[in-house]
Every structure is written in structure tokens, then in C-alpha cells.
Amino acid sequence: MKKMGANTLAYVVLLAMAFSVASASDPSPLQDFCVAINDTNDTMFVNGKFCKDPKLATPNDFFFSGLRVLGNTSNKLSSTVTPANVAQIPGLNTLGVSLARVDYTPYGLNPPHTHPRATEILTVLEGTLYVGFVTFNPKNRLISKVLYKGEVFIFPQGLIHFQFNVGTTNAVAIASLSSQNPGVITIANAVFGSKPAISADVLTKAFQVDKNVLVTKCEEQINPGRPLVNIHNLQF
């Protein structure tokens, strides 16, 4: 009986591990494709989206021209992200991949953020970018590098990362992501711009600053000017 119980326990543990691995990324497709559709009539619900009848699929379900267009960088961060995920390309539904184009003017910043559902591979098409990510607690190690045209860098799933244009010309990058809908959490917006606002007592204790300093920090994060980075200290 003890041996049987041990075998059963081992089986349960292995089964749990298998399920945890299987759910670590977007579900595997069960058919060739599942073009996402909002109409609930005569459709099948798979992976968070309704599927169009495959016989009605068209080339436009798998097409998006938005990444060839220069993004609007007229904002405080001097950068913009143009996504190409399942919201823009219905044919990506269940396929577990997506893209994004990122445009930066000189000193443009894609601020610290995370993708809760995807690992990212960033490819620089034009310009020079200082990029990096921070490991989990308690080490919080910064792993960073300056990238040039044609070079790539990996941002592991869930880790805080950023990109900063340290060049004197515009920069463009393409981000490849391992999810049809990777999600994004911009740290400054989430912490200092939540609705309703996080209690000042929580933030002052978390950041170990005076409330007056916190108000200044909130204003800097929500309405930043040019990022204050000494590019001469970076490793080129």
C-alpha cells in the first residue's frame, strides 16, 4: 500500500509538472488556423476568440500593412509602439506569435515595462539603441547593451525592460513576441497613474521618499521631458 501510494504521488507530481509546462505559453492550435471574429453566431470559441468558418477566411485575415508606416513620436517620450497582434491580424488567433514596430526620435525612450505573456526578441532596423532588462528579486541585476542596425536582443518573459535611442538620428526596431496577445504593463503608468490612485502612504513607504518628493516623481513619470541619461557612461 505504501509503495502504491508513493507511485500515485509521483504520478500526480509528474502530471502537475506536465500541465504547468503545457500552460506556460499560448495554447497549441488544434487546427490549421482560427481566424478571430466577434460574431457569436454559428462560430466556435477557441483560445479567447471566436473562430470564423475556415471556408470564409480571406487573405486580409492574415495581412497587416501598419508596420510599414512611421509611428507618431510627437509625445513626451519621443517614441511610439505600433502593435501587430491578434487585435490587428485576426489570423494570428491561436498561433502564439505577434510583432510590434517601435519608432524613436533622438533620445526617444520606450520606458520600463513588462510583457506578462511573452518573451521578446528585438531587432534594430535603424539607429542605435541602449537596451536592457532587470532580473527578479533579490538580485535585480541589470543586463544591458548598446545595439546597432541588424543586431538583436532578448527580453525574457515578464522581466522589466526598456529601449533608449542614444543616437542623433531616428531609430526603428521590430519586436517579435511569443504570444498572439503579449500584453504590456508600463511600470510608471501602473504605479503612479493607476485609477483610482494608489495610496500615497503605500508609495512613500515603498519608494522610501517624502510625500513631496513622491508628488514630483509622479509628475516626472507621467509627464516626462527628455530622459536624463549620461550616454558617455554607456558601453558602446
C-alpha atoms as a PDB file:
ATOM      1  CA  MET A   1       0.000   0.000   0.000  1.00  0.00           C
ATOM      2  CA  LYS A   2       2.853   2.407   0.849  1.00  0.00           C
ATOM      3  CA  LYS A   3       4.542   1.654  -2.473  1.00  0.00           C
ATOM      4  CA  MET A   4       1.268   2.195  -4.335  1.00  0.00           C
ATOM      5  CA  GLY A   5       0.744   5.479  -2.503  1.00  0.00           C
ATOM      6  CA  ALA A   6       4.262   6.635  -3.386  1.00  0.00           C
ATOM      7  CA  ASN A   7       3.720   5.712  -7.038  1.00  0.00           C
ATOM      8  CA  THR A   8       0.428   7.581  -7.086  1.00  0.00           C
ATOM      9  CA  LEU A   9       2.035  10.651  -5.534  1.00  0.00           C
ATOM     10  CA  ALA A  10       4.857  10.572  -8.076  1.00  0.00           C
ATOM     11  CA  TYR A  11       2.328  10.281 -10.901  1.00  0.00           C
ATOM     12  CA  VAL A  12       0.357  13.273  -9.589  1.00  0.00           C
ATOM     13  CA  VAL A  13       3.534  15.362  -9.293  1.00  0.00           C
ATOM     14  CA  LEU A  14       4.623  14.493 -12.835  1.00  0.00           C
ATOM     15  CA  LEU A  15       1.136  15.234 -14.149  1.00  0.00           C
ATOM     16  CA  ALA A  16       1.129  18.617 -12.409  1.00  0.00           C
ATOM     17  CA  MET A  17       4.528  19.439 -13.889  1.00  0.00           C
ATOM     18  CA  ALA A  18       3.334  18.476 -17.341  1.00  0.00           C
ATOM     19  CA  PHE A  19       0.293  20.739 -17.043  1.00  0.00           C
ATOM     20  CA  SER A  20       2.435  23.628 -15.759  1.00  0.00           C
ATOM     21  CA  VAL A  21       4.755  23.292 -18.760  1.00  0.00           C
ATOM     22  CA  ALA A  22       1.844  22.994 -21.169  1.00  0.00           C
ATOM     23  CA  SER A  23       0.269  26.214 -19.873  1.00  0.00           C
ATOM     24  CA  ALA A  24       3.491  28.240 -19.901  1.00  0.00           C
ATOM     25  CA  SER A  25       2.692  29.819 -23.269  1.00  0.00           C
ATOM     26  CA  ASP A  26      -0.202  30.311 -25.659  1.00  0.00           C
ATOM     27  CA  PRO A  27      -2.235  27.111 -26.235  1.00  0.00           C
ATOM     28  CA  SER A  28      -1.229  24.984 -29.209  1.00  0.00           C
ATOM     29  CA  PRO A  29      -3.634  25.277 -32.154  1.00  0.00           C
ATOM     30  CA  LEU A  30      -5.960  22.361 -32.792  1.00  0.00           C
ATOM     31  CA  GLN A  31      -6.481  23.212 -36.464  1.00  0.00           C
ATOM     32  CA  ASP A  32      -4.644  24.952 -39.330  1.00  0.00           C
ATOM     33  CA  PHE A  33      -5.904  28.370 -38.266  1.00  0.00           C
ATOM     34  CA  CYS A  34      -8.689  30.029 -36.313  1.00  0.00           C
ATOM     35  CA  VAL A  35      -9.382  33.493 -37.715  1.00  0.00           C
ATOM     36  CA  ALA A  36     -10.716  35.593 -34.841  1.00  0.00           C
ATOM     37  CA  ILE A  37     -14.221  37.014 -35.233  1.00  0.00           C
ATOM     38  CA  ASN A  38     -16.501  38.928 -32.895  1.00  0.00           C
ATOM     39  CA  ASP A  39     -19.735  37.496 -34.308  1.00  0.00           C
ATOM     40  CA  THR A  40     -21.026  34.772 -31.982  1.00  0.00           C
ATOM     41  CA  ASN A  41     -23.491  33.284 -34.476  1.00  0.00           C
ATOM     42  CA  ASP A  42     -22.540  29.893 -35.902  1.00  0.00           C
ATOM     43  CA  THR A  43     -18.961  30.099 -34.632  1.00  0.00           C
ATOM     44  CA  MET A  44     -16.681  28.078 -32.395  1.00  0.00           C
ATOM     45  CA  PHE A  45     -14.979  29.630 -29.329  1.00  0.00           C
ATOM     46  CA  VAL A  46     -11.246  28.819 -29.106  1.00  0.00           C
ATOM     47  CA  ASN A  47      -8.466  30.455 -27.053  1.00  0.00           C
ATOM     48  CA  GLY A  48     -10.370  33.594 -26.096  1.00  0.00           C
ATOM     49  CA  LYS A  49     -11.657  34.397 -29.589  1.00  0.00           C
ATOM     50  CA  PHE A  50     -14.472  33.111 -31.767  1.00  0.00           C
ATOM     51  CA  CYS A  51     -13.372  31.384 -34.970  1.00  0.00           C
ATOM     52  CA  LYS A  52     -14.608  32.282 -38.407  1.00  0.00           C
ATOM     53  CA  ASP A  53     -15.644  29.362 -40.582  1.00  0.00           C
ATOM     54  CA  PRO A  54     -12.325  28.389 -42.284  1.00  0.00           C
ATOM     55  CA  LYS A  55     -14.081  28.321 -45.662  1.00  0.00           C
ATOM     56  CA  LEU A  56     -14.799  32.044 -45.281  1.00  0.00           C
ATOM     57  CA  ALA A  57     -11.193  33.060 -44.492  1.00  0.00           C
ATOM     58  CA  THR A  58      -9.648  35.654 -46.803  1.00  0.00           C
ATOM     59  CA  PRO A  59      -6.058  36.883 -47.380  1.00  0.00           C
ATOM     60  CA  ASN A  60      -6.873  40.054 -45.424  1.00  0.00           C
ATOM     61  CA  ASP A  61      -7.419  37.937 -42.304  1.00  0.00           C
ATOM     62  CA  PHE A  62      -3.671  37.241 -42.357  1.00  0.00           C
ATOM     63  CA  PHE A  63      -2.473  40.663 -43.525  1.00  0.00           C
ATOM     64  CA  PHE A  64      -1.495  43.967 -41.871  1.00  0.00           C
ATOM     65  CA  SER A  65       0.225  46.931 -43.516  1.00  0.00           C
ATOM     66  CA  GLY A  66       0.626  49.070 -40.402  1.00  0.00           C
ATOM     67  CA  LEU A  67       4.270  48.225 -39.719  1.00  0.00           C
ATOM     68  CA  ARG A  68       5.466  49.973 -42.872  1.00  0.00           C
ATOM     69  CA  VAL A  69       4.152  53.309 -41.562  1.00  0.00           C
ATOM     70  CA  LEU A  70       6.319  55.621 -39.435  1.00  0.00           C
ATOM     71  CA  GLY A  71       4.812  55.856 -35.960  1.00  0.00           C
ATOM     72  CA  ASN A  72       3.806  59.189 -34.403  1.00  0.00           C
ATOM     73  CA  THR A  73       6.548  60.109 -31.921  1.00  0.00           C
ATOM     74  CA  SER A  74       5.087  63.509 -31.017  1.00  0.00           C
ATOM     75  CA  ASN A  75       4.761  62.726 -27.320  1.00  0.00           C
ATOM     76  CA  LYS A  76       6.673  63.237 -24.065  1.00  0.00           C
ATOM     77  CA  LEU A  77       8.668  60.027 -24.519  1.00  0.00           C
ATOM     78  CA  SER A  78       9.536  60.684 -28.188  1.00  0.00           C
ATOM     79  CA  SER A  79       8.712  57.089 -29.091  1.00  0.00           C
ATOM     80  CA  THR A  80       5.713  55.043 -30.152  1.00  0.00           C
ATOM     81  CA  VAL A  81       4.793  51.368 -30.466  1.00  0.00           C
ATOM     82  CA  THR A  82       2.693  50.053 -33.362  1.00  0.00           C
ATOM     83  CA  PRO A  83       1.403  46.574 -32.428  1.00  0.00           C
ATOM     84  CA  ALA A  84       0.633  43.756 -34.834  1.00  0.00           C
ATOM     85  CA  ASN A  85      -1.126  41.228 -32.637  1.00  0.00           C
ATOM     86  CA  VAL A  86      -4.432  39.379 -32.819  1.00  0.00           C
ATOM     87  CA  ALA A  87      -6.326  42.675 -32.488  1.00  0.00           C
ATOM     88  CA  GLN A  88      -4.841  43.843 -35.789  1.00  0.00           C
ATOM     89  CA  ILE A  89      -4.414  40.461 -37.529  1.00  0.00           C
ATOM     90  CA  PRO A  90      -7.342  38.101 -36.803  1.00  0.00           C
ATOM     91  CA  GLY A  91      -5.483  35.197 -38.421  1.00  0.00           C
ATOM     92  CA  LEU A  92      -2.934  35.220 -35.555  1.00  0.00           C
ATOM     93  CA  ASN A  93      -5.543  33.735 -33.227  1.00  0.00           C
ATOM     94  CA  THR A  94      -4.166  30.517 -31.604  1.00  0.00           C
ATOM     95  CA  LEU A  95      -0.820  30.824 -33.438  1.00  0.00           C
ATOM     96  CA  GLY A  96       1.123  32.164 -30.450  1.00  0.00           C
ATOM     97  CA  VAL A  97       3.158  34.927 -32.121  1.00  0.00           C
ATOM     98  CA  SER A  98       2.929  38.674 -32.773  1.00  0.00           C
ATOM     99  CA  LEU A  99       5.039  41.666 -33.761  1.00  0.00           C
ATOM    100  CA  ALA A 100       5.391  45.342 -32.928  1.00  0.00           C
ATOM    101  CA  ARG A 101       7.200  48.233 -34.556  1.00  0.00           C
ATOM    102  CA  VAL A 102       8.885  50.779 -32.274  1.00  0.00           C
ATOM    103  CA  ASP A 103       9.886  54.231 -33.539  1.00  0.00           C
ATOM    104  CA  TYR A 104      12.177  56.588 -31.612  1.00  0.00           C
ATOM    105  CA  THR A 105      13.376  60.113 -32.301  1.00  0.00           C
ATOM    106  CA  PRO A 106      16.815  61.040 -30.885  1.00  0.00           C
ATOM    107  CA  TYR A 107      16.738  60.408 -27.113  1.00  0.00           C
ATOM    108  CA  GLY A 108      13.380  58.690 -27.503  1.00  0.00           C
ATOM    109  CA  LEU A 109      12.548  56.163 -24.786  1.00  0.00           C
ATOM    110  CA  ASN A 110      10.368  53.071 -24.707  1.00  0.00           C
ATOM    111  CA  PRO A 111      10.061  53.215 -20.894  1.00  0.00           C
ATOM    112  CA  PRO A 112      10.492  50.317 -18.443  1.00  0.00           C
ATOM    113  CA  HIS A 113       7.667  47.832 -18.987  1.00  0.00           C
ATOM    114  CA  THR A 114       6.884  44.118 -18.973  1.00  0.00           C
ATOM    115  CA  HIS A 115       5.040  41.651 -21.198  1.00  0.00           C
ATOM    116  CA  PRO A 116       3.278  39.234 -18.823  1.00  0.00           C
ATOM    117  CA  ARG A 117       2.586  36.655 -21.531  1.00  0.00           C
ATOM    118  CA  ALA A 118       5.563  36.789 -23.888  1.00  0.00           C
ATOM    119  CA  THR A 119       9.300  36.657 -24.416  1.00  0.00           C
ATOM    120  CA  GLU A 120      10.506  39.358 -26.821  1.00  0.00           C
ATOM    121  CA  ILE A 121      13.229  39.407 -29.488  1.00  0.00           C
ATOM    122  CA  LEU A 122      14.089  42.963 -30.516  1.00  0.00           C
ATOM    123  CA  THR A 123      15.760  43.623 -33.894  1.00  0.00           C
ATOM    124  CA  VAL A 124      17.192  47.066 -34.649  1.00  0.00           C
ATOM    125  CA  LEU A 125      16.385  48.176 -38.205  1.00  0.00           C
ATOM    126  CA  GLU A 126      17.826  51.680 -37.978  1.00  0.00           C
ATOM    127  CA  GLY A 127      19.742  53.694 -35.396  1.00  0.00           C
ATOM    128  CA  THR A 128      21.492  52.935 -32.110  1.00  0.00           C
ATOM    129  CA  LEU A 129      19.599  51.726 -29.037  1.00  0.00           C
ATOM    130  CA  TYR A 130      20.654  51.248 -25.433  1.00  0.00           C
ATOM    131  CA  VAL A 131      18.514  48.342 -24.177  1.00  0.00           C
ATOM    132  CA  GLY A 132      18.302  46.232 -21.058  1.00  0.00           C
ATOM    133  CA  PHE A 133      16.247  44.185 -18.613  1.00  0.00           C
ATOM    134  CA  VAL A 134      16.316  43.640 -14.855  1.00  0.00           C
ATOM    135  CA  THR A 135      16.325  40.203 -13.227  1.00  0.00           C
ATOM    136  CA  PHE A 136      13.942  39.206 -10.442  1.00  0.00           C
ATOM    137  CA  ASN A 137      14.421  39.912  -6.720  1.00  0.00           C
ATOM    138  CA  PRO A 138      16.623  39.853  -4.785  1.00  0.00           C
ATOM    139  CA  LYS A 139      19.494  40.334  -7.265  1.00  0.00           C
ATOM    140  CA  ASN A 140      17.744  42.891  -9.517  1.00  0.00           C
ATOM    141  CA  ARG A 141      20.674  42.661 -11.890  1.00  0.00           C
ATOM    142  CA  LEU A 142      20.648  44.970 -14.923  1.00  0.00           C
ATOM    143  CA  ILE A 143      21.636  43.205 -18.146  1.00  0.00           C
ATOM    144  CA  SER A 144      22.098  45.816 -20.859  1.00  0.00           C
ATOM    145  CA  LYS A 145      23.831  46.511 -24.158  1.00  0.00           C
ATOM    146  CA  VAL A 146      24.066  49.106 -26.927  1.00  0.00           C
ATOM    147  CA  LEU A 147      22.637  47.735 -30.195  1.00  0.00           C
ATOM    148  CA  TYR A 148      23.330  48.777 -33.765  1.00  0.00           C
ATOM    149  CA  LYS A 149      21.488  48.170 -37.043  1.00  0.00           C
ATOM    150  CA  GLY A 150      20.866  44.456 -37.630  1.00  0.00           C
ATOM    151  CA  GLU A 151      21.570  43.376 -34.048  1.00  0.00           C
ATOM    152  CA  VAL A 152      19.092  41.608 -31.771  1.00  0.00           C
ATOM    153  CA  PHE A 153      18.463  41.342 -28.035  1.00  0.00           C
ATOM    154  CA  ILE A 154      16.219  39.085 -25.930  1.00  0.00           C
ATOM    155  CA  PHE A 155      13.876  40.226 -23.149  1.00  0.00           C
ATOM    156  CA  PRO A 156      12.710  37.195 -21.117  1.00  0.00           C
ATOM    157  CA  GLN A 157       9.009  36.883 -20.375  1.00  0.00           C
ATOM    158  CA  GLY A 158       7.745  39.011 -17.502  1.00  0.00           C
ATOM    159  CA  LEU A 159      11.007  40.902 -16.835  1.00  0.00           C
ATOM    160  CA  ILE A 160      11.113  44.703 -16.776  1.00  0.00           C
ATOM    161  CA  HIS A 161      12.928  46.055 -19.845  1.00  0.00           C
ATOM    162  CA  PHE A 162      13.435  49.249 -21.848  1.00  0.00           C
ATOM    163  CA  GLN A 163      14.947  50.762 -25.011  1.00  0.00           C
ATOM    164  CA  PHE A 164      16.544  54.215 -25.320  1.00  0.00           C
ATOM    165  CA  ASN A 165      17.724  55.888 -28.527  1.00  0.00           C
ATOM    166  CA  VAL A 166      21.253  57.113 -27.762  1.00  0.00           C
ATOM    167  CA  GLY A 167      21.915  58.161 -31.353  1.00  0.00           C
ATOM    168  CA  THR A 168      21.452  61.524 -33.042  1.00  0.00           C
ATOM    169  CA  THR A 169      19.114  60.128 -35.718  1.00  0.00           C
ATOM    170  CA  ASN A 170      15.755  58.379 -35.628  1.00  0.00           C
ATOM    171  CA  ALA A 171      15.739  54.691 -34.716  1.00  0.00           C
ATOM    172  CA  VAL A 172      13.380  51.861 -35.665  1.00  0.00           C
ATOM    173  CA  ALA A 173      13.094  48.373 -34.180  1.00  0.00           C
ATOM    174  CA  ILE A 174      10.862  45.345 -34.689  1.00  0.00           C
ATOM    175  CA  ALA A 175       9.817  43.330 -31.644  1.00  0.00           C
ATOM    176  CA  SER A 176       8.857  39.673 -32.124  1.00  0.00           C
ATOM    177  CA  LEU A 177       6.772  38.255 -29.268  1.00  0.00           C
ATOM    178  CA  SER A 178       5.839  34.701 -28.293  1.00  0.00           C
ATOM    179  CA  SER A 179       2.122  35.385 -27.823  1.00  0.00           C
ATOM    180  CA  GLN A 180      -0.767  36.462 -30.008  1.00  0.00           C
ATOM    181  CA  ASN A 181      -1.611  38.977 -27.262  1.00  0.00           C
ATOM    182  CA  PRO A 182       1.505  39.583 -25.116  1.00  0.00           C
ATOM    183  CA  GLY A 183       0.043  42.395 -23.016  1.00  0.00           C
ATOM    184  CA  VAL A 184       2.111  45.302 -21.698  1.00  0.00           C
ATOM    185  CA  ILE A 185       2.474  46.891 -18.260  1.00  0.00           C
ATOM    186  CA  THR A 186       4.318  50.231 -18.277  1.00  0.00           C
ATOM    187  CA  ILE A 187       5.762  50.493 -14.774  1.00  0.00           C
ATOM    188  CA  ALA A 188       5.452  54.269 -14.288  1.00  0.00           C
ATOM    189  CA  ASN A 189       1.873  54.335 -15.567  1.00  0.00           C
ATOM    190  CA  ALA A 190       0.845  51.364 -13.440  1.00  0.00           C
ATOM    191  CA  VAL A 191       2.429  52.630 -10.211  1.00  0.00           C
ATOM    192  CA  PHE A 192       1.937  56.384 -10.469  1.00  0.00           C
ATOM    193  CA  GLY A 193      -1.021  56.602 -12.825  1.00  0.00           C
ATOM    194  CA  SER A 194      -3.445  53.932 -11.576  1.00  0.00           C
ATOM    195  CA  LYS A 195      -7.158  54.737 -11.396  1.00  0.00           C
ATOM    196  CA  PRO A 196      -8.016  55.182  -8.600  1.00  0.00           C
ATOM    197  CA  ALA A 197      -4.564  56.238  -7.409  1.00  0.00           C
ATOM    198  CA  ILE A 198      -2.526  54.029  -5.109  1.00  0.00           C
ATOM    199  CA  SER A 199      -2.403  55.484  -1.602  1.00  0.00           C
ATOM    200  CA  ALA A 200       0.447  57.975  -1.110  1.00  0.00           C
ATOM    201  CA  ASP A 201       1.248  56.162   2.149  1.00  0.00           C
ATOM    202  CA  VAL A 202       1.866  52.968   0.188  1.00  0.00           C
ATOM    203  CA  LEU A 203       4.072  54.659  -2.414  1.00  0.00           C
ATOM    204  CA  THR A 204       6.097  56.758   0.041  1.00  0.00           C
ATOM    205  CA  LYS A 205       6.881  53.659   2.082  1.00  0.00           C
ATOM    206  CA  ALA A 206       7.603  51.526  -0.979  1.00  0.00           C
ATOM    207  CA  PHE A 207       9.975  54.086  -2.530  1.00  0.00           C
ATOM    208  CA  GLN A 208      11.254  55.376   0.828  1.00  0.00           C
ATOM    209  CA  VAL A 209      10.741  59.043  -0.072  1.00  0.00           C
ATOM    210  CA  ASP A 210       8.964  62.070   1.384  1.00  0.00           C
ATOM    211  CA  LYS A 211       5.444  62.742   0.097  1.00  0.00           C
ATOM    212  CA  ASN A 212       6.581  65.994  -1.537  1.00  0.00           C
ATOM    213  CA  VAL A 213       9.285  64.102  -3.400  1.00  0.00           C
ATOM    214  CA  LEU A 214       6.717  61.498  -4.414  1.00  0.00           C
ATOM    215  CA  VAL A 215       4.492  64.156  -6.000  1.00  0.00           C
ATOM    216  CA  THR A 216       7.486  65.346  -8.023  1.00  0.00           C
ATOM    217  CA  LYS A 217       8.343  61.790  -9.048  1.00  0.00           C
ATOM    218  CA  CYS A 218       4.758  61.156 -10.143  1.00  0.00           C
ATOM    219  CA  GLU A 219       4.801  64.272 -12.306  1.00  0.00           C
ATOM    220  CA  GLU A 220       8.157  63.293 -13.835  1.00  0.00           C
ATOM    221  CA  GLN A 221       6.915  59.783 -14.650  1.00  0.00           C
ATOM    222  CA  ILE A 222       3.543  60.745 -16.086  1.00  0.00           C
ATOM    223  CA  ASN A 223       4.796  63.841 -17.953  1.00  0.00           C
ATOM    224  CA  PRO A 224       8.476  63.188 -18.589  1.00  0.00           C
ATOM    225  CA  GLY A 225      10.731  65.504 -20.524  1.00  0.00           C
ATOM    226  CA  ARG A 226      13.885  64.340 -22.256  1.00  0.00           C
ATOM    227  CA  PRO A 227      15.231  61.253 -20.399  1.00  0.00           C
ATOM    228  CA  LEU A 228      18.198  62.191 -18.216  1.00  0.00           C
ATOM    229  CA  VAL A 229      20.808  59.632 -19.212  1.00  0.00           C
ATOM    230  CA  ASN A 230      24.548  60.265 -19.494  1.00  0.00           C
ATOM    231  CA  ILE A 231      25.291  58.421 -22.736  1.00  0.00           C
ATOM    232  CA  HIS A 232      29.031  58.816 -22.175  1.00  0.00           C
ATOM    233  CA  ASN A 233      28.788  56.238 -19.385  1.00  0.00           C
ATOM    234  CA  LEU A 234      27.292  53.583 -21.660  1.00  0.00           C
ATOM    235  CA  GLN A 235      29.294  50.672 -23.067  1.00  0.00           C
ATOM    236  CA  PHE A 236      29.465  51.102 -26.871  1.00  0.00           C
END
